[in-house]
Protein backbone atom coordinates (compact mmCIF):
# COMPACT_ATOMS: atom_id res chain seq x y z
CA MET A 1 65.99 -6.09 -197.98
CA ARG A 2 66.60 -8.34 -195.01
CA GLY A 3 66.45 -6.78 -191.58
CA HIS A 4 64.99 -3.40 -192.37
CA PHE A 5 61.40 -4.51 -191.84
CA SER A 6 61.34 -6.99 -188.96
CA GLY A 7 63.94 -5.17 -186.89
CA GLY A 8 63.11 -1.64 -187.94
CA HIS A 9 59.86 -0.67 -189.62
CA TYR A 10 57.85 -3.24 -187.69
CA LEU A 11 59.03 -1.87 -184.36
CA SER A 12 58.27 1.69 -185.46
CA ALA A 13 54.80 0.62 -186.58
CA CYS A 14 54.15 -1.13 -183.26
CA ALA A 15 55.35 1.88 -181.28
CA LEU A 16 53.31 4.40 -183.21
CA THR A 17 50.20 2.21 -183.17
CA TYR A 18 50.51 1.73 -179.43
CA ALA A 19 50.96 5.47 -178.93
CA SER A 20 47.89 6.31 -180.99
CA ALA A 21 45.56 3.39 -180.28
CA GLY A 22 46.84 1.89 -177.03
CA ASP A 23 47.18 -1.60 -178.52
CA GLU A 24 48.77 -3.53 -175.62
CA GLU A 25 49.00 -6.81 -177.56
CA LEU A 26 51.04 -5.17 -180.29
CA ARG A 27 53.27 -3.56 -177.71
CA ARG A 28 53.83 -6.94 -176.05
CA LYS A 29 54.87 -8.50 -179.36
CA ALA A 30 57.28 -5.64 -180.00
CA ASP A 31 58.73 -6.04 -176.49
CA GLU A 32 59.36 -9.74 -177.21
CA LEU A 33 61.11 -8.90 -180.48
CA ILE A 34 63.32 -6.37 -178.70
CA GLN A 35 64.30 -9.04 -176.16
CA GLU A 36 65.35 -11.42 -178.93
CA LEU A 37 67.27 -8.74 -180.80
CA ALA A 38 69.09 -7.86 -177.57
CA ARG A 39 70.13 -11.50 -177.28
CA CYS A 40 71.56 -11.36 -180.79
CA GLN A 41 73.45 -8.18 -179.94
CA LYS A 42 74.84 -9.72 -176.76
CA ALA A 43 76.09 -12.72 -178.75
CA HIS A 44 78.16 -10.36 -180.93
CA GLY A 45 79.69 -8.84 -177.83
CA ASN A 46 80.52 -5.45 -179.38
CA GLY A 47 77.18 -3.69 -179.79
CA TYR A 48 76.71 -4.70 -183.41
CA LEU A 49 73.19 -5.66 -184.46
CA SER A 50 71.98 -6.15 -188.00
CA ALA A 51 70.68 -8.75 -190.43
CA PHE A 52 74.04 -9.50 -192.06
CA PRO A 53 77.69 -9.97 -191.01
CA GLU A 54 79.90 -7.04 -190.06
CA GLU A 55 81.95 -7.95 -193.12
CA PHE A 56 79.39 -6.07 -195.23
CA PHE A 57 80.69 -2.87 -193.64
CA ASP A 58 84.24 -3.91 -194.55
CA ARG A 59 83.06 -3.99 -198.16
CA LEU A 60 81.62 -0.50 -197.80
CA ARG A 61 84.83 0.84 -196.27
CA GLU A 62 86.95 -0.74 -198.99
CA GLY A 63 84.76 0.42 -201.87
CA ARG A 64 83.62 -3.07 -202.83
CA PRO A 65 80.03 -3.76 -204.02
CA VAL A 66 77.52 -3.96 -201.18
CA TRP A 67 73.83 -3.11 -200.87
CA ALA A 68 72.83 -0.47 -198.30
CA PRO A 69 74.13 -1.77 -194.94
CA PHE A 70 73.68 1.61 -193.25
CA TYR A 71 70.10 1.88 -194.48
CA THR A 72 69.24 -1.37 -192.74
CA LEU A 73 71.12 -0.31 -189.62
CA HIS A 74 69.31 3.02 -189.39
CA THR A 75 65.85 1.45 -189.69
CA ILE A 76 66.64 -0.93 -186.83
CA MET A 77 67.94 1.98 -184.76
CA ALA A 78 64.85 4.06 -185.55
CA GLY A 79 62.57 1.19 -184.54
CA HIS A 80 64.29 0.82 -181.20
CA LEU A 81 64.15 4.56 -180.55
CA ASP A 82 60.44 4.62 -181.34
CA MET A 83 59.83 1.77 -178.93
CA TYR A 84 61.68 3.65 -176.22
CA VAL A 85 60.02 7.01 -176.86
CA HIS A 86 56.49 5.78 -177.53
CA GLY A 87 56.49 2.38 -175.85
CA GLY A 88 58.60 3.10 -172.78
CA ASN A 89 60.92 0.14 -173.45
CA GLU A 90 64.21 0.79 -171.62
CA GLN A 91 65.86 -2.28 -173.16
CA ALA A 92 65.26 -0.80 -176.61
CA LEU A 93 67.27 2.27 -175.64
CA ALA A 94 70.11 0.17 -174.23
CA THR A 95 70.28 -1.87 -177.44
CA LEU A 96 70.14 1.28 -179.53
CA GLU A 97 73.00 2.88 -177.60
CA GLY A 98 75.07 -0.25 -178.12
CA MET A 99 74.46 0.00 -181.87
CA ALA A 100 75.32 3.71 -181.90
CA ASP A 101 78.54 3.08 -180.01
CA TRP A 102 79.50 0.42 -182.57
CA VAL A 103 78.86 2.92 -185.35
CA GLY A 104 80.95 5.50 -183.51
CA ARG A 105 83.92 3.16 -183.39
CA TRP A 106 83.48 2.26 -187.07
CA VAL A 107 83.47 5.83 -188.34
CA SER A 108 86.29 6.91 -186.00
CA SER A 109 88.71 4.76 -188.00
CA LEU A 110 88.08 6.76 -191.20
CA ARG A 111 89.56 10.10 -192.16
CA ASP A 112 87.09 12.73 -193.36
CA GLU A 113 88.00 12.24 -197.02
CA HIS A 114 87.50 8.48 -196.72
CA MET A 115 84.19 8.95 -194.90
CA GLN A 116 82.92 11.23 -197.67
CA ARG A 117 83.71 8.50 -200.22
CA VAL A 118 81.69 6.04 -198.12
CA LEU A 119 78.78 8.49 -198.03
CA GLU A 120 78.85 8.69 -201.82
CA VAL A 121 77.80 5.03 -201.82
CA GLU A 122 75.09 5.13 -199.12
CA HIS A 123 74.36 6.21 -195.58
CA GLY A 124 70.63 5.56 -195.19
CA GLY A 125 69.14 7.79 -192.51
CA MET A 126 72.04 7.49 -190.07
CA LEU A 127 72.33 11.23 -189.58
CA GLU A 128 68.69 11.49 -188.52
CA ALA A 129 68.79 8.36 -186.35
CA LEU A 130 71.87 9.50 -184.45
CA LEU A 131 70.66 13.08 -184.02
CA ASN A 132 67.37 11.76 -182.65
CA LEU A 133 69.30 9.60 -180.19
CA TYR A 134 71.36 12.62 -179.17
CA ALA A 135 68.16 14.62 -178.64
CA VAL A 136 66.77 11.91 -176.36
CA THR A 137 69.91 11.16 -174.35
CA GLY A 138 71.86 14.42 -174.52
CA LYS A 139 75.08 12.40 -174.91
CA GLU A 140 77.61 14.35 -176.95
CA ARG A 141 79.24 11.27 -178.45
CA TYR A 142 76.12 10.58 -180.47
CA LEU A 143 76.17 14.11 -181.87
CA ARG A 144 79.82 13.67 -182.86
CA THR A 145 79.02 10.37 -184.56
CA ALA A 146 76.01 11.87 -186.32
CA LEU A 147 78.08 14.68 -187.80
CA ARG A 148 80.38 12.14 -189.46
CA PHE A 149 77.38 11.37 -191.68
CA ASP A 150 77.16 14.97 -192.85
CA HIS A 151 77.43 14.29 -196.59
CA HIS A 152 79.00 17.50 -197.87
CA ALA A 153 77.87 16.97 -201.46
CA PHE A 154 74.27 16.75 -200.27
CA PHE A 155 73.85 18.50 -196.93
CA ASP A 156 76.04 21.58 -197.39
CA PRO A 157 73.39 23.05 -199.72
CA LEU A 158 69.93 24.28 -198.77
CA ALA A 159 67.31 25.97 -200.89
CA GLY A 160 66.42 29.65 -200.68
CA ARG A 161 65.48 32.91 -202.41
CA LEU A 162 68.02 35.32 -203.89
CA GLY A 163 65.59 37.87 -205.36
CA GLY A 164 65.09 39.10 -208.90
CA LYS A 165 67.49 42.06 -209.14
CA ASP A 166 68.85 42.53 -212.71
CA LEU A 167 66.97 39.43 -213.83
CA THR A 168 65.75 39.95 -217.40
CA PRO A 169 62.66 38.28 -218.93
CA SER A 170 64.88 36.25 -221.26
CA MET A 171 66.82 34.91 -218.29
CA VAL A 172 63.57 33.94 -216.59
CA CYS A 173 62.30 32.11 -219.69
CA LEU A 174 65.54 30.72 -221.10
CA GLY A 175 67.68 30.30 -218.02
CA TYR A 176 70.88 31.83 -216.75
CA SER A 177 72.81 30.73 -219.85
CA SER A 178 70.90 33.36 -221.88
CA ASN A 179 72.87 36.07 -220.06
CA PRO A 180 75.88 36.78 -222.32
CA ALA A 181 77.88 38.30 -219.46
CA ARG A 182 77.40 35.19 -217.31
CA LYS A 183 78.50 37.01 -214.19
CA PRO A 184 78.73 34.85 -211.08
CA ILE A 185 75.98 35.42 -208.53
CA PRO A 186 77.21 35.68 -204.92
CA VAL A 187 75.57 33.19 -202.60
CA PRO A 188 75.59 33.87 -198.84
CA SER A 189 77.11 31.22 -196.59
CA ILE A 190 75.27 29.78 -193.61
CA GLN A 191 76.95 29.85 -190.20
CA VAL A 192 75.95 26.83 -188.09
CA ASP A 193 76.94 25.91 -184.56
CA PRO A 194 77.43 22.09 -184.66
CA ARG A 195 76.32 21.93 -181.03
CA HIS A 196 72.91 23.25 -182.14
CA PRO A 197 72.57 21.98 -185.72
CA THR A 198 69.04 23.34 -186.23
CA GLY A 199 69.59 26.71 -184.57
CA TRP A 200 70.30 28.60 -187.80
CA VAL A 201 66.72 28.42 -189.08
CA GLU A 202 63.22 29.00 -187.71
CA PRO A 203 59.69 28.62 -189.13
CA VAL A 204 57.80 31.69 -190.27
CA VAL A 205 54.66 32.08 -188.14
CA HIS A 206 51.39 31.34 -189.98
CA GLN A 207 53.21 30.47 -193.24
CA THR A 208 53.24 26.75 -193.98
CA LEU A 209 56.61 25.34 -195.11
CA SER A 210 58.26 28.75 -194.91
CA PHE A 211 61.43 29.42 -192.93
CA ARG A 212 64.00 32.15 -192.36
CA THR A 213 67.58 32.12 -191.17
CA VAL A 214 68.59 33.15 -187.66
CA GLY A 215 71.82 34.83 -186.58
CA GLN A 216 73.17 35.33 -190.12
CA LYS A 217 74.70 38.43 -191.69
CA GLN A 218 71.82 38.43 -194.16
CA ILE A 219 68.30 37.24 -193.37
CA LEU A 220 67.34 34.67 -195.98
CA SER A 221 63.93 33.24 -196.84
CA LEU A 222 63.50 29.52 -197.50
CA ILE A 223 60.34 28.31 -199.21
CA PRO A 224 59.29 25.33 -201.34
CA LEU A 225 60.89 25.42 -204.77
CA TYR A 226 57.56 25.14 -206.57
CA GLN A 227 56.50 28.49 -205.09
CA LEU A 228 59.40 30.35 -206.71
CA SER A 229 58.83 32.17 -209.98
CA GLY A 230 60.52 35.11 -211.69
CA GLU A 231 63.43 35.37 -209.27
CA ARG A 232 66.76 33.76 -208.58
CA TYR A 233 67.06 30.91 -206.14
CA VAL A 234 69.74 28.54 -204.99
CA VAL A 235 69.55 24.92 -203.85
CA TYR A 236 73.20 24.67 -202.77
CA TRP A 237 74.49 26.66 -199.81
CA LYS A 238 77.93 26.74 -198.27
CA VAL A 239 77.61 25.79 -194.61
CA GLN A 240 80.36 26.85 -192.21
CA SER A 241 80.88 26.11 -188.53
CA SER A 242 80.41 29.03 -186.18
CA ALA A 243 81.72 27.16 -183.11
CA ALA A 244 84.68 28.72 -181.35
């Protein structure tokens, strides 16, 4: 896929290699690439930078066939962020912010329902890329843009344990459908402050890949699915905003 390697993965590889091995030659080559990409962005005049015309995003907005424009965009953004964080390249951050501002204007033109339809097609790692940029800069507009990529059909749910109360052996072996009553099982909702999107969960000390909720009405345990046996679990949670 054009653009995702030379503008994205390559820059990330250079940044991480420089950070771990101190390879100055590789850093210099990455700095040169960032300079050239900045020239391309300047020629557009609106912050856009990618390996294909902006018209590809028109196709995405209109529901016409197109192959992963946001995936390519996010890899380029991630590469620039890595070069800023690990390589100290200030121009990389400036270019990245220009790209993020372009994305912010693009998503601002779409209602939530329309944006969710776009996300059904593809969104790459835009949520992660924009949240990482927000973490580095502290600029609220990047958090707001990131949250537009919150794909409700995918990100509302999270996995966790619901216990084994009233769970019969036949239900364990044959599944929930073996219960003739088929009573619905209540699933707790997760309250999340969008200003602190990771504040609802914390790692369990000395337990690898184990987490628990924070500030919820019910403390819930989250562990890898393969560790669960003989109890109920859920992989889809309802997430609600707790912001005033």
